[in-house]
């Protein structure tokens, strides 16, 4: 097996698109060698804990509504090409994602990490839900068959806050400046949302290497 570490943020549309394209390649190669682990990265580490109004955020980040519209037109086109229907207009809050990353971590302990990531992406980009809200996160946990009451209690505590921040710092110190970033076998970094064809080539190359070594 080959470890595939994915550094991502659940409010990053390119991370969602990248996941969908990776999923397509993995579904086409059910004997692929990857074991996947998701790692935290916050695009907006200084975001207030309560988040902020989405329109205010977009104006500040992209220099006005025109800049935001241009960027999100590119996102919408890429999502459509990947067969992914987003509802960007439904998003009202730009959340702080620290708690969402904690949920992903706890889901990993229960073997539900990728399910948590998928549910967070869908809640945010398809349903416009505030994934910085702890009630929302507990509901997402329930959707993926985690104990929502336990998750809610954990979210109300400081459990794994420092560990999550330390893991993000480690990614930045490793040189990660944008997401998604995929790290294959602990050695090769693949940045950005890559098409299924690239992952198909990677899987084929890994299979050939394994055959030679075998």
N, C-alpha and C. Protein backbone atom coordinates (compact mmCIF):
# COMPACT_ATOMS: atom_id res chain seq x y z
N UNK A 1 0.83 -1.20 0.00
CA UNK A 1 0.00 0.00 0.00
C UNK A 1 0.86 1.26 0.00
N UNK A 2 0.34 2.32 -0.57
CA UNK A 2 1.05 3.60 -0.67
C UNK A 2 0.21 4.66 0.04
N UNK A 3 0.83 5.39 0.95
CA UNK A 3 0.12 6.44 1.68
C UNK A 3 -0.11 7.63 0.75
N UNK A 4 -1.34 8.11 0.74
CA UNK A 4 -1.67 9.34 0.03
C UNK A 4 -2.18 10.33 1.06
N UNK A 5 -1.34 11.28 1.42
CA UNK A 5 -1.71 12.32 2.38
C UNK A 5 -2.29 13.49 1.61
N UNK A 6 -3.46 13.97 2.06
CA UNK A 6 -4.13 15.07 1.38
C UNK A 6 -4.28 16.23 2.36
N UNK A 7 -3.66 17.34 2.03
CA UNK A 7 -3.74 18.55 2.85
C UNK A 7 -4.82 19.43 2.23
N UNK A 8 -5.80 19.80 3.05
CA UNK A 8 -7.03 20.36 2.47
C UNK A 8 -7.75 21.22 3.50
N UNK A 9 -8.68 22.03 3.00
CA UNK A 9 -9.56 22.82 3.85
C UNK A 9 -10.99 22.65 3.32
N UNK A 10 -11.97 22.33 4.17
CA UNK A 10 -13.31 22.08 3.65
C UNK A 10 -14.04 23.29 3.09
N UNK A 11 -13.45 24.50 3.16
CA UNK A 11 -14.05 25.64 2.47
C UNK A 11 -13.31 25.98 1.17
N UNK A 12 -12.42 25.10 0.76
CA UNK A 12 -11.66 25.31 -0.47
C UNK A 12 -12.36 24.60 -1.63
N UNK A 13 -12.91 25.34 -2.59
CA UNK A 13 -13.62 24.68 -3.69
C UNK A 13 -12.71 23.82 -4.54
N UNK A 14 -11.45 24.22 -4.69
CA UNK A 14 -10.51 23.42 -5.49
C UNK A 14 -10.21 22.10 -4.80
N UNK A 15 -10.27 22.09 -3.46
CA UNK A 15 -10.09 20.84 -2.72
C UNK A 15 -11.24 19.89 -3.01
N UNK A 16 -12.46 20.42 -3.07
CA UNK A 16 -13.62 19.60 -3.37
C UNK A 16 -13.52 19.05 -4.79
N UNK A 17 -13.18 19.92 -5.73
CA UNK A 17 -13.04 19.49 -7.12
C UNK A 17 -11.92 18.44 -7.23
N UNK A 18 -10.81 18.69 -6.54
CA UNK A 18 -9.70 17.73 -6.57
C UNK A 18 -10.09 16.39 -6.00
N UNK A 19 -10.90 16.39 -4.93
CA UNK A 19 -11.34 15.13 -4.34
C UNK A 19 -12.23 14.36 -5.31
N UNK A 20 -13.16 15.06 -5.94
CA UNK A 20 -14.06 14.40 -6.89
C UNK A 20 -13.28 13.77 -8.03
N UNK A 21 -12.26 14.47 -8.51
CA UNK A 21 -11.47 13.94 -9.62
C UNK A 21 -10.61 12.76 -9.17
N UNK A 22 -10.05 12.84 -7.97
CA UNK A 22 -9.32 11.70 -7.42
C UNK A 22 -10.25 10.51 -7.24
N UNK A 23 -11.45 10.75 -6.68
CA UNK A 23 -12.41 9.66 -6.47
C UNK A 23 -12.71 8.94 -7.78
N UNK A 24 -12.85 9.71 -8.85
CA UNK A 24 -13.16 9.10 -10.15
C UNK A 24 -12.05 8.15 -10.59
N UNK A 25 -10.81 8.58 -10.37
CA UNK A 25 -9.67 7.72 -10.74
C UNK A 25 -9.61 6.47 -9.86
N UNK A 26 -9.90 6.63 -8.57
CA UNK A 26 -9.84 5.48 -7.66
C UNK A 26 -10.96 4.49 -7.97
N UNK A 27 -12.13 5.01 -8.33
CA UNK A 27 -13.24 4.12 -8.69
C UNK A 27 -12.93 3.33 -9.96
N UNK A 28 -12.18 3.95 -10.86
CA UNK A 28 -11.83 3.28 -12.12
C UNK A 28 -10.71 2.25 -11.92
N UNK A 29 -10.01 2.33 -10.79
CA UNK A 29 -8.92 1.40 -10.50
C UNK A 29 -9.11 0.84 -9.09
N UNK A 30 -10.09 -0.06 -8.92
CA UNK A 30 -10.42 -0.53 -7.57
C UNK A 30 -9.27 -1.24 -6.86
N UNK A 31 -8.26 -1.66 -7.62
CA UNK A 31 -7.10 -2.30 -7.00
C UNK A 31 -5.96 -1.30 -6.77
N UNK A 32 -6.29 0.00 -6.73
CA UNK A 32 -5.27 1.03 -6.51
C UNK A 32 -4.57 0.80 -5.17
N UNK A 33 -3.32 1.32 -5.04
CA UNK A 33 -2.55 1.02 -3.83
C UNK A 33 -2.74 2.01 -2.69
N UNK A 34 -3.57 3.05 -2.86
CA UNK A 34 -3.58 4.17 -1.91
C UNK A 34 -4.34 3.88 -0.62
N UNK A 35 -3.76 4.33 0.48
CA UNK A 35 -4.49 4.52 1.72
C UNK A 35 -4.46 6.03 1.97
N UNK A 36 -5.63 6.60 2.17
CA UNK A 36 -5.77 8.05 2.19
C UNK A 36 -5.88 8.57 3.62
N UNK A 37 -5.16 9.66 3.89
CA UNK A 37 -5.32 10.37 5.16
C UNK A 37 -5.40 11.86 4.87
N UNK A 38 -6.37 12.53 5.53
CA UNK A 38 -6.59 13.96 5.33
C UNK A 38 -5.92 14.76 6.44
N UNK A 39 -5.36 15.90 6.07
CA UNK A 39 -4.62 16.74 7.03
C UNK A 39 -5.12 18.19 6.97
N UNK A 40 -5.05 18.89 8.11
CA UNK A 40 -5.65 20.23 8.19
C UNK A 40 -4.81 21.32 7.57
N UNK A 41 -5.52 22.28 6.99
CA UNK A 41 -4.94 23.52 6.48
C UNK A 41 -6.07 24.55 6.49
N UNK A 42 -5.80 25.72 7.02
CA UNK A 42 -6.82 26.77 7.02
C UNK A 42 -6.43 27.86 6.03
N UNK A 43 -7.27 28.04 5.03
CA UNK A 43 -7.03 29.12 4.07
C UNK A 43 -7.09 30.48 4.76
N UNK A 44 -7.90 30.56 5.81
CA UNK A 44 -8.09 31.82 6.53
C UNK A 44 -7.84 31.60 8.02
N UNK A 45 -6.58 31.40 8.42
CA UNK A 45 -6.30 31.07 9.83
C UNK A 45 -6.67 32.19 10.80
N UNK A 46 -6.79 33.41 10.29
CA UNK A 46 -7.14 34.54 11.16
C UNK A 46 -8.64 34.84 11.17
N UNK A 47 -9.42 33.98 10.56
CA UNK A 47 -10.87 34.18 10.53
C UNK A 47 -11.41 34.17 11.97
N UNK A 48 -12.28 35.14 12.34
CA UNK A 48 -12.89 35.10 13.67
C UNK A 48 -13.58 33.76 13.92
N UNK A 49 -13.60 33.34 15.18
CA UNK A 49 -14.17 32.04 15.52
C UNK A 49 -15.62 31.91 15.04
N UNK A 50 -16.34 33.02 15.03
CA UNK A 50 -17.75 32.98 14.61
C UNK A 50 -17.91 33.12 13.10
N UNK A 51 -16.81 33.26 12.36
CA UNK A 51 -16.88 33.46 10.93
C UNK A 51 -17.28 34.88 10.58
N UNK A 52 -17.64 35.10 9.31
CA UNK A 52 -18.07 36.43 8.90
C UNK A 52 -19.02 36.32 7.71
N UNK A 53 -19.69 37.41 7.42
CA UNK A 53 -20.60 37.45 6.29
C UNK A 53 -19.85 37.12 5.00
N UNK A 54 -20.41 36.23 4.21
CA UNK A 54 -19.73 35.75 3.00
C UNK A 54 -19.44 36.88 2.02
N UNK A 55 -20.39 37.79 1.83
CA UNK A 55 -20.17 38.87 0.87
C UNK A 55 -19.06 39.79 1.32
N UNK A 56 -19.01 40.09 2.62
CA UNK A 56 -17.93 40.93 3.15
C UNK A 56 -16.59 40.25 2.95
N UNK A 57 -16.56 38.94 3.18
CA UNK A 57 -15.32 38.17 3.01
C UNK A 57 -14.84 38.21 1.55
N UNK A 58 -15.75 37.96 0.63
CA UNK A 58 -15.35 37.94 -0.78
C UNK A 58 -14.87 39.31 -1.25
N UNK A 59 -15.54 40.37 -0.78
CA UNK A 59 -15.10 41.72 -1.17
C UNK A 59 -13.69 42.00 -0.64
N UNK A 60 -13.43 41.60 0.60
CA UNK A 60 -12.12 41.84 1.21
C UNK A 60 -11.04 41.00 0.54
N UNK A 61 -11.34 39.75 0.25
CA UNK A 61 -10.33 38.83 -0.27
C UNK A 61 -10.00 39.08 -1.73
N UNK A 62 -11.02 39.43 -2.52
CA UNK A 62 -10.82 39.53 -3.97
C UNK A 62 -10.94 40.96 -4.49
N UNK A 63 -10.91 41.93 -3.58
CA UNK A 63 -10.87 43.31 -4.01
C UNK A 63 -12.16 43.82 -4.61
N UNK A 64 -13.27 43.29 -4.14
CA UNK A 64 -14.56 43.76 -4.63
C UNK A 64 -15.37 42.63 -5.25
N UNK A 65 -16.64 42.93 -5.52
CA UNK A 65 -17.54 41.89 -6.02
C UNK A 65 -17.16 41.44 -7.43
N UNK A 66 -16.60 42.34 -8.23
CA UNK A 66 -16.22 41.97 -9.60
C UNK A 66 -15.10 40.92 -9.57
N UNK A 67 -14.10 41.16 -8.69
CA UNK A 67 -13.00 40.19 -8.56
C UNK A 67 -13.49 38.85 -8.05
N UNK A 68 -14.40 38.90 -7.07
CA UNK A 68 -14.95 37.66 -6.53
C UNK A 68 -15.73 36.91 -7.60
N UNK A 69 -16.51 37.64 -8.39
CA UNK A 69 -17.32 37.00 -9.43
C UNK A 69 -16.43 36.31 -10.47
N UNK A 70 -15.31 36.94 -10.80
CA UNK A 70 -14.39 36.34 -11.78
C UNK A 70 -13.80 35.04 -11.25
N UNK A 71 -13.34 35.08 -10.00
CA UNK A 71 -12.73 33.88 -9.40
C UNK A 71 -13.75 32.75 -9.33
N UNK A 72 -14.96 33.08 -8.89
CA UNK A 72 -15.95 32.02 -8.71
C UNK A 72 -16.57 31.55 -10.01
N UNK A 73 -16.46 32.34 -11.06
CA UNK A 73 -16.85 31.83 -12.38
C UNK A 73 -15.89 30.73 -12.81
N UNK A 74 -14.60 30.92 -12.51
CA UNK A 74 -13.60 29.89 -12.83
C UNK A 74 -13.87 28.62 -12.03
N UNK A 75 -14.20 28.80 -10.75
CA UNK A 75 -14.51 27.65 -9.90
C UNK A 75 -15.73 26.91 -10.45
N UNK A 76 -16.79 27.66 -10.78
CA UNK A 76 -18.02 27.03 -11.27
C UNK A 76 -17.77 26.27 -12.57
N UNK A 77 -16.94 26.83 -13.45
CA UNK A 77 -16.63 26.15 -14.72
C UNK A 77 -15.87 24.86 -14.46
N UNK A 78 -14.89 24.92 -13.55
CA UNK A 78 -14.09 23.73 -13.25
C UNK A 78 -14.95 22.66 -12.58
N UNK A 79 -15.83 23.08 -11.69
CA UNK A 79 -16.72 22.13 -11.02
C UNK A 79 -17.65 21.46 -12.03
N UNK A 80 -18.21 22.25 -12.93
CA UNK A 80 -19.11 21.69 -13.95
C UNK A 80 -18.37 20.69 -14.82
N UNK A 81 -17.13 21.01 -15.19
CA UNK A 81 -16.34 20.10 -16.01
C UNK A 81 -16.06 18.79 -15.28
N UNK A 82 -16.00 18.87 -13.94
CA UNK A 82 -15.77 17.67 -13.13
C UNK A 82 -17.07 16.94 -12.79
N UNK A 83 -18.20 17.47 -13.30
CA UNK A 83 -19.48 16.85 -13.02
C UNK A 83 -20.00 17.12 -11.63
N UNK A 84 -19.57 18.25 -11.06
CA UNK A 84 -19.92 18.59 -9.68
C UNK A 84 -20.81 19.82 -9.66
N UNK A 85 -21.99 19.70 -9.10
CA UNK A 85 -22.93 20.83 -9.03
C UNK A 85 -22.76 21.55 -7.70
N UNK A 86 -22.29 22.79 -7.74
CA UNK A 86 -22.13 23.60 -6.54
C UNK A 86 -23.23 24.64 -6.49
N UNK A 87 -23.58 25.07 -5.29
CA UNK A 87 -24.54 26.17 -5.12
C UNK A 87 -23.82 27.27 -4.33
N UNK A 88 -22.93 27.98 -5.01
CA UNK A 88 -22.11 28.99 -4.32
C UNK A 88 -22.97 30.13 -3.81
N UNK A 89 -24.08 30.40 -4.48
CA UNK A 89 -24.95 31.49 -4.06
C UNK A 89 -25.67 31.21 -2.75
N UNK A 90 -25.71 29.94 -2.33
CA UNK A 90 -26.40 29.60 -1.09
C UNK A 90 -25.54 29.87 0.15
N UNK A 91 -24.25 30.10 -0.05
CA UNK A 91 -23.35 30.29 1.09
C UNK A 91 -23.52 31.69 1.66
N UNK A 92 -23.86 31.77 2.94
CA UNK A 92 -24.09 33.06 3.60
C UNK A 92 -22.98 33.43 4.58
N UNK A 93 -22.30 32.42 5.13
CA UNK A 93 -21.25 32.67 6.13
C UNK A 93 -19.95 32.06 5.64
N UNK A 94 -18.86 32.79 5.88
CA UNK A 94 -17.53 32.25 5.67
C UNK A 94 -17.02 31.79 7.04
N UNK A 95 -16.89 30.48 7.26
CA UNK A 95 -16.61 30.01 8.61
C UNK A 95 -15.12 29.93 8.93
N UNK A 96 -14.83 29.93 10.21
CA UNK A 96 -13.54 29.46 10.69
C UNK A 96 -13.61 27.93 10.67
N UNK A 97 -12.61 27.26 10.12
CA UNK A 97 -12.70 25.81 9.92
C UNK A 97 -11.94 24.97 10.95
N UNK A 98 -11.47 25.60 12.02
CA UNK A 98 -10.74 24.83 13.03
C UNK A 98 -11.59 23.67 13.57
N UNK A 99 -12.84 23.95 13.91
CA UNK A 99 -13.69 22.89 14.46
C UNK A 99 -14.00 21.82 13.41
N UNK A 100 -14.16 22.22 12.16
CA UNK A 100 -14.38 21.24 11.09
C UNK A 100 -13.19 20.30 10.97
N UNK A 101 -11.98 20.85 11.11
CA UNK A 101 -10.78 20.01 11.06
C UNK A 101 -10.71 19.07 12.26
N UNK A 102 -11.18 19.54 13.42
CA UNK A 102 -11.23 18.64 14.57
C UNK A 102 -12.19 17.49 14.31
N UNK A 103 -13.33 17.79 13.71
CA UNK A 103 -14.28 16.73 13.37
C UNK A 103 -13.65 15.72 12.42
N UNK A 104 -12.93 16.20 11.41
CA UNK A 104 -12.25 15.30 10.47
C UNK A 104 -11.27 14.39 11.22
N UNK A 105 -10.55 14.95 12.16
CA UNK A 105 -9.59 14.17 12.95
C UNK A 105 -10.31 13.07 13.73
N UNK A 106 -11.38 13.43 14.43
CA UNK A 106 -12.11 12.43 15.23
C UNK A 106 -12.76 11.38 14.34
N UNK A 107 -13.24 11.79 13.18
CA UNK A 107 -13.80 10.82 12.24
C UNK A 107 -12.74 9.82 11.80
N UNK A 108 -11.50 10.30 11.64
CA UNK A 108 -10.41 9.41 11.26
C UNK A 108 -10.17 8.32 12.29
N UNK A 109 -10.32 8.66 13.56
CA UNK A 109 -10.14 7.67 14.62
C UNK A 109 -11.17 6.55 14.48
N UNK A 110 -12.34 6.89 13.97
CA UNK A 110 -13.42 5.91 13.80
C UNK A 110 -13.47 5.31 12.40
N UNK A 111 -12.47 5.61 11.57
CA UNK A 111 -12.45 5.07 10.22
C UNK A 111 -13.46 5.72 9.29
N UNK A 112 -13.87 6.96 9.62
CA UNK A 112 -14.87 7.65 8.81
C UNK A 112 -14.34 8.98 8.27
N UNK A 113 -13.05 9.09 8.12
CA UNK A 113 -12.46 10.39 7.80
C UNK A 113 -12.90 10.90 6.43
N UNK A 114 -12.78 10.07 5.42
CA UNK A 114 -13.17 10.52 4.08
C UNK A 114 -14.66 10.81 4.02
N UNK A 115 -15.46 10.05 4.75
CA UNK A 115 -16.90 10.33 4.81
C UNK A 115 -17.16 11.71 5.43
N UNK A 116 -16.38 12.05 6.46
CA UNK A 116 -16.53 13.37 7.08
C UNK A 116 -16.16 14.48 6.11
N UNK A 117 -15.06 14.29 5.41
CA UNK A 117 -14.62 15.30 4.44
C UNK A 117 -15.69 15.49 3.36
N UNK A 118 -16.21 14.39 2.85
CA UNK A 118 -17.26 14.46 1.81
C UNK A 118 -18.49 15.19 2.33
N UNK A 119 -18.89 14.86 3.56
CA UNK A 119 -20.09 15.47 4.13
C UNK A 119 -19.90 16.97 4.37
N UNK A 120 -18.72 17.37 4.81
CA UNK A 120 -18.43 18.79 5.01
C UNK A 120 -18.45 19.56 3.70
N UNK A 121 -17.81 19.01 2.68
CA UNK A 121 -17.83 19.66 1.37
C UNK A 121 -19.27 19.83 0.87
N UNK A 122 -20.05 18.77 0.96
CA UNK A 122 -21.43 18.83 0.45
C UNK A 122 -22.26 19.83 1.25
N UNK A 123 -22.10 19.81 2.58
CA UNK A 123 -22.88 20.73 3.42
C UNK A 123 -22.58 22.17 3.07
N UNK A 124 -21.32 22.47 2.82
CA UNK A 124 -20.92 23.86 2.55
C UNK A 124 -21.22 24.28 1.12
N UNK A 125 -20.77 23.49 0.17
CA UNK A 125 -20.83 23.92 -1.23
C UNK A 125 -22.13 23.56 -1.94
N UNK A 126 -22.90 22.63 -1.40
CA UNK A 126 -24.17 22.27 -2.04
C UNK A 126 -25.37 22.77 -1.25
N UNK A 127 -25.22 22.82 0.09
CA UNK A 127 -26.36 23.19 0.94
C UNK A 127 -26.21 24.57 1.56
N UNK A 128 -25.03 25.18 1.43
CA UNK A 128 -24.80 26.51 1.99
C UNK A 128 -24.82 26.55 3.51
N UNK A 129 -24.51 25.44 4.16
CA UNK A 129 -24.57 25.39 5.62
C UNK A 129 -23.30 25.99 6.22
N UNK A 130 -23.42 26.50 7.44
CA UNK A 130 -22.29 27.11 8.14
C UNK A 130 -21.53 26.01 8.87
N UNK A 131 -20.42 25.56 8.28
CA UNK A 131 -19.67 24.46 8.88
C UNK A 131 -18.70 24.93 9.96
N UNK A 132 -18.86 26.17 10.39
CA UNK A 132 -18.19 26.64 11.59
C UNK A 132 -19.10 26.56 12.80
N UNK A 133 -20.38 26.28 12.57
CA UNK A 133 -21.37 26.19 13.63
C UNK A 133 -21.34 24.80 14.24
N UNK A 134 -21.25 24.72 15.57
CA UNK A 134 -21.06 23.42 16.22
C UNK A 134 -22.29 22.54 16.14
N UNK A 135 -23.47 23.11 16.14
CA UNK A 135 -24.68 22.31 15.96
C UNK A 135 -24.67 21.66 14.56
N UNK A 136 -24.26 22.44 13.59
CA UNK A 136 -24.16 21.91 12.22
C UNK A 136 -23.15 20.79 12.15
N UNK A 137 -22.01 20.97 12.80
CA UNK A 137 -20.97 19.93 12.77
C UNK A 137 -21.44 18.66 13.47
N UNK A 138 -22.17 18.81 14.58
CA UNK A 138 -22.70 17.63 15.26
C UNK A 138 -23.71 16.91 14.37
N UNK A 139 -24.51 17.67 13.61
CA UNK A 139 -25.46 17.06 12.69
C UNK A 139 -24.73 16.31 11.58
N UNK A 140 -23.65 16.89 11.07
CA UNK A 140 -22.84 16.21 10.05
C UNK A 140 -22.26 14.93 10.61
N UNK A 141 -21.79 14.99 11.86
CA UNK A 141 -21.27 13.78 12.51
C UNK A 141 -22.34 12.69 12.56
N UNK A 142 -23.55 13.09 12.90
CA UNK A 142 -24.66 12.13 12.95
C UNK A 142 -24.91 11.51 11.58
N UNK A 143 -24.81 12.32 10.53
CA UNK A 143 -25.03 11.81 9.17
C UNK A 143 -24.07 10.68 8.82
N UNK A 144 -22.85 10.74 9.36
CA UNK A 144 -21.85 9.73 9.01
C UNK A 144 -21.71 8.69 10.12
N UNK A 145 -22.76 8.60 10.95
CA UNK A 145 -22.88 7.56 11.97
C UNK A 145 -21.85 7.68 13.08
N UNK A 146 -21.48 8.92 13.40
CA UNK A 146 -20.74 9.19 14.62
C UNK A 146 -21.74 9.59 15.70
N UNK A 147 -21.32 9.56 16.95
CA UNK A 147 -22.19 9.94 18.05
C UNK A 147 -22.22 11.47 18.14
N UNK A 148 -23.33 12.06 17.71
CA UNK A 148 -23.42 13.52 17.64
C UNK A 148 -23.27 14.17 19.00
N UNK A 149 -23.80 13.54 20.05
CA UNK A 149 -23.71 14.14 21.39
C UNK A 149 -22.27 14.16 21.88
N UNK A 150 -21.53 13.11 21.59
CA UNK A 150 -20.11 13.07 21.97
C UNK A 150 -19.33 14.13 21.20
N UNK A 151 -19.59 14.21 19.90
CA UNK A 151 -18.90 15.20 19.07
C UNK A 151 -19.21 16.61 19.57
N UNK A 152 -20.46 16.86 19.93
CA UNK A 152 -20.82 18.20 20.42
C UNK A 152 -20.07 18.53 21.71
N UNK A 153 -19.97 17.57 22.61
CA UNK A 153 -19.23 17.81 23.86
C UNK A 153 -17.77 18.08 23.57
N UNK A 154 -17.20 17.33 22.65
CA UNK A 154 -15.79 17.54 22.29
C UNK A 154 -15.59 18.93 21.67
N UNK A 155 -16.51 19.33 20.81
CA UNK A 155 -16.40 20.65 20.18
C UNK A 155 -16.48 21.78 21.21
N UNK A 156 -17.25 21.57 22.27
CA UNK A 156 -17.36 22.59 23.31
C UNK A 156 -16.14 22.63 24.22
N UNK A 157 -15.26 21.66 24.07
CA UNK A 157 -14.02 21.61 24.85
C UNK A 157 -12.85 22.08 23.98
N UNK A 158 -11.65 22.02 24.54
CA UNK A 158 -10.44 22.37 23.78
C UNK A 158 -9.76 21.12 23.20
N UNK A 159 -10.47 20.01 23.16
CA UNK A 159 -9.87 18.76 22.70
C UNK A 159 -9.27 18.89 21.30
N UNK A 160 -8.00 18.58 21.20
CA UNK A 160 -7.27 18.53 19.93
C UNK A 160 -7.15 19.86 19.20
N UNK A 161 -7.44 20.96 19.89
CA UNK A 161 -7.25 22.28 19.26
C UNK A 161 -5.78 22.51 18.97
N UNK A 162 -4.94 22.32 19.97
CA UNK A 162 -3.51 22.59 19.77
C UNK A 162 -2.89 21.59 18.81
N UNK A 163 -3.33 20.34 18.88
CA UNK A 163 -2.80 19.34 17.95
C UNK A 163 -3.13 19.71 16.50
N UNK A 164 -4.36 20.17 16.28
CA UNK A 164 -4.78 20.56 14.93
C UNK A 164 -3.96 21.74 14.43
N UNK A 165 -3.77 22.72 15.29
CA UNK A 165 -2.95 23.88 14.90
C UNK A 165 -1.51 23.47 14.64
N UNK A 166 -0.99 22.55 15.44
CA UNK A 166 0.39 22.09 15.25
C UNK A 166 0.54 21.35 13.92
N UNK A 167 -0.46 20.56 13.57
CA UNK A 167 -0.40 19.83 12.29
C UNK A 167 -0.45 20.80 11.11
N UNK A 168 -1.23 21.86 11.25
CA UNK A 168 -1.25 22.85 10.17
C UNK A 168 0.08 23.58 10.08
N UNK A 169 0.65 23.94 11.22
CA UNK A 169 1.97 24.59 11.21
C UNK A 169 3.00 23.69 10.54
N UNK A 170 2.93 22.40 10.81
CA UNK A 170 3.88 21.45 10.21
C UNK A 170 3.75 21.45 8.69
N UNK A 171 2.52 21.54 8.19
CA UNK A 171 2.31 21.58 6.74
C UNK A 171 2.93 22.85 6.15
N UNK A 172 2.72 23.97 6.81
CA UNK A 172 3.28 25.23 6.31
C UNK A 172 4.81 25.21 6.36
N UNK A 173 5.36 24.64 7.43
CA UNK A 173 6.82 24.55 7.55
C UNK A 173 7.41 23.62 6.50
N UNK A 174 6.59 22.67 6.03
CA UNK A 174 7.01 21.75 4.98
C UNK A 174 7.00 22.44 3.62
N UNK A 175 6.42 23.65 3.56
CA UNK A 175 6.39 24.41 2.32
C UNK A 175 5.05 24.47 1.64
N UNK A 176 4.02 23.93 2.28
CA UNK A 176 2.68 23.98 1.69
C UNK A 176 2.13 25.40 1.85
N UNK A 177 1.78 26.01 0.74
CA UNK A 177 1.22 27.37 0.77
C UNK A 177 -0.19 27.43 0.21
N UNK A 178 -0.62 26.36 -0.42
CA UNK A 178 -1.97 26.32 -0.99
C UNK A 178 -2.49 24.91 -1.00
N UNK A 179 -3.79 24.78 -1.09
CA UNK A 179 -4.42 23.46 -1.09
C UNK A 179 -5.43 23.37 -2.24
N UNK A 180 -5.68 22.12 -2.69
CA UNK A 180 -5.20 20.87 -2.12
C UNK A 180 -3.74 20.59 -2.48
N UNK A 181 -3.06 19.91 -1.58
CA UNK A 181 -1.74 19.36 -1.85
C UNK A 181 -1.78 17.88 -1.52
N UNK A 182 -1.42 17.07 -2.48
CA UNK A 182 -1.40 15.61 -2.32
C UNK A 182 0.06 15.17 -2.19
N UNK A 183 0.35 14.34 -1.22
CA UNK A 183 1.71 13.83 -1.04
C UNK A 183 1.66 12.32 -1.20
N UNK A 184 2.37 11.84 -2.22
CA UNK A 184 2.34 10.42 -2.58
C UNK A 184 3.53 9.71 -1.94
N UNK A 185 3.23 8.73 -1.12
CA UNK A 185 4.29 7.92 -0.53
C UNK A 185 5.25 8.69 0.35
N UNK A 186 4.79 9.80 0.91
CA UNK A 186 5.65 10.59 1.79
C UNK A 186 6.77 11.31 1.08
N UNK A 187 6.75 11.33 -0.26
CA UNK A 187 7.88 11.89 -1.01
C UNK A 187 7.48 12.92 -2.07
N UNK A 188 6.50 12.60 -2.87
CA UNK A 188 6.19 13.41 -4.05
C UNK A 188 4.95 14.26 -3.80
N UNK A 189 5.11 15.57 -3.85
CA UNK A 189 3.99 16.49 -3.65
C UNK A 189 3.33 16.81 -4.99
N UNK A 190 2.03 16.69 -5.03
CA UNK A 190 1.24 17.00 -6.23
C UNK A 190 0.27 18.10 -5.84
N UNK A 191 0.54 19.35 -6.26
CA UNK A 191 -0.34 20.44 -5.86
C UNK A 191 -1.52 20.61 -6.81
N UNK A 192 -2.64 21.10 -6.26
CA UNK A 192 -3.76 21.48 -7.10
C UNK A 192 -4.74 20.36 -7.39
N UNK A 193 -5.87 20.76 -7.96
CA UNK A 193 -6.93 19.81 -8.33
C UNK A 193 -6.54 19.17 -9.66
N UNK A 194 -6.10 17.92 -9.60
CA UNK A 194 -5.59 17.24 -10.78
C UNK A 194 -6.67 16.39 -11.45
N UNK A 195 -6.60 16.27 -12.77
CA UNK A 195 -7.62 15.48 -13.48
C UNK A 195 -7.46 13.99 -13.20
N UNK A 196 -8.53 13.21 -13.40
CA UNK A 196 -8.45 11.77 -13.17
C UNK A 196 -7.34 11.10 -13.99
N UNK A 197 -7.07 11.66 -15.17
CA UNK A 197 -6.05 11.05 -16.03
C UNK A 197 -4.67 11.07 -15.38
N UNK A 198 -4.37 12.14 -14.66
CA UNK A 198 -3.08 12.20 -13.97
C UNK A 198 -3.01 11.12 -12.90
N UNK A 199 -4.08 10.97 -12.12
CA UNK A 199 -4.07 9.95 -11.07
C UNK A 199 -4.02 8.55 -11.68
N UNK A 200 -4.64 8.36 -12.82
CA UNK A 200 -4.56 7.05 -13.49
C UNK A 200 -3.12 6.73 -13.85
N UNK A 201 -2.38 7.74 -14.32
CA UNK A 201 -0.96 7.52 -14.65
C UNK A 201 -0.15 7.20 -13.40
N UNK A 202 -0.41 7.94 -12.32
CA UNK A 202 0.31 7.69 -11.06
C UNK A 202 0.04 6.26 -10.58
N UNK A 203 -1.22 5.84 -10.62
CA UNK A 203 -1.57 4.50 -10.18
C UNK A 203 -0.89 3.45 -11.04
N UNK A 204 -0.85 3.68 -12.37
CA UNK A 204 -0.19 2.74 -13.27
C UNK A 204 1.31 2.66 -12.99
N UNK A 205 1.92 3.82 -12.75
CA UNK A 205 3.36 3.84 -12.46
C UNK A 205 3.68 3.11 -11.15
N UNK A 206 2.84 3.33 -10.15
CA UNK A 206 3.05 2.64 -8.88
C UNK A 206 2.87 1.14 -9.04
N UNK A 207 1.90 0.74 -9.88
CA UNK A 207 1.70 -0.68 -10.14
C UNK A 207 2.90 -1.29 -10.85
N UNK A 208 3.48 -0.55 -11.79
CA UNK A 208 4.65 -1.05 -12.51
C UNK A 208 5.85 -1.17 -11.57
N UNK A 209 6.02 -0.18 -10.67
CA UNK A 209 7.10 -0.24 -9.70
C UNK A 209 6.94 -1.46 -8.80
N UNK A 210 5.71 -1.69 -8.35
CA UNK A 210 5.45 -2.82 -7.48
C UNK A 210 5.74 -4.14 -8.17
N UNK A 211 5.40 -4.21 -9.47
CA UNK A 211 5.66 -5.44 -10.22
C UNK A 211 7.16 -5.70 -10.36
N UNK A 212 7.93 -4.63 -10.60
CA UNK A 212 9.38 -4.78 -10.72
C UNK A 212 9.99 -5.24 -9.41
N UNK A 213 9.50 -4.62 -8.31
CA UNK A 213 10.06 -4.97 -7.00
C UNK A 213 9.65 -6.38 -6.60
N UNK A 214 8.45 -6.79 -7.06
CA UNK A 214 7.98 -8.13 -6.74
C UNK A 214 8.75 -9.20 -7.48
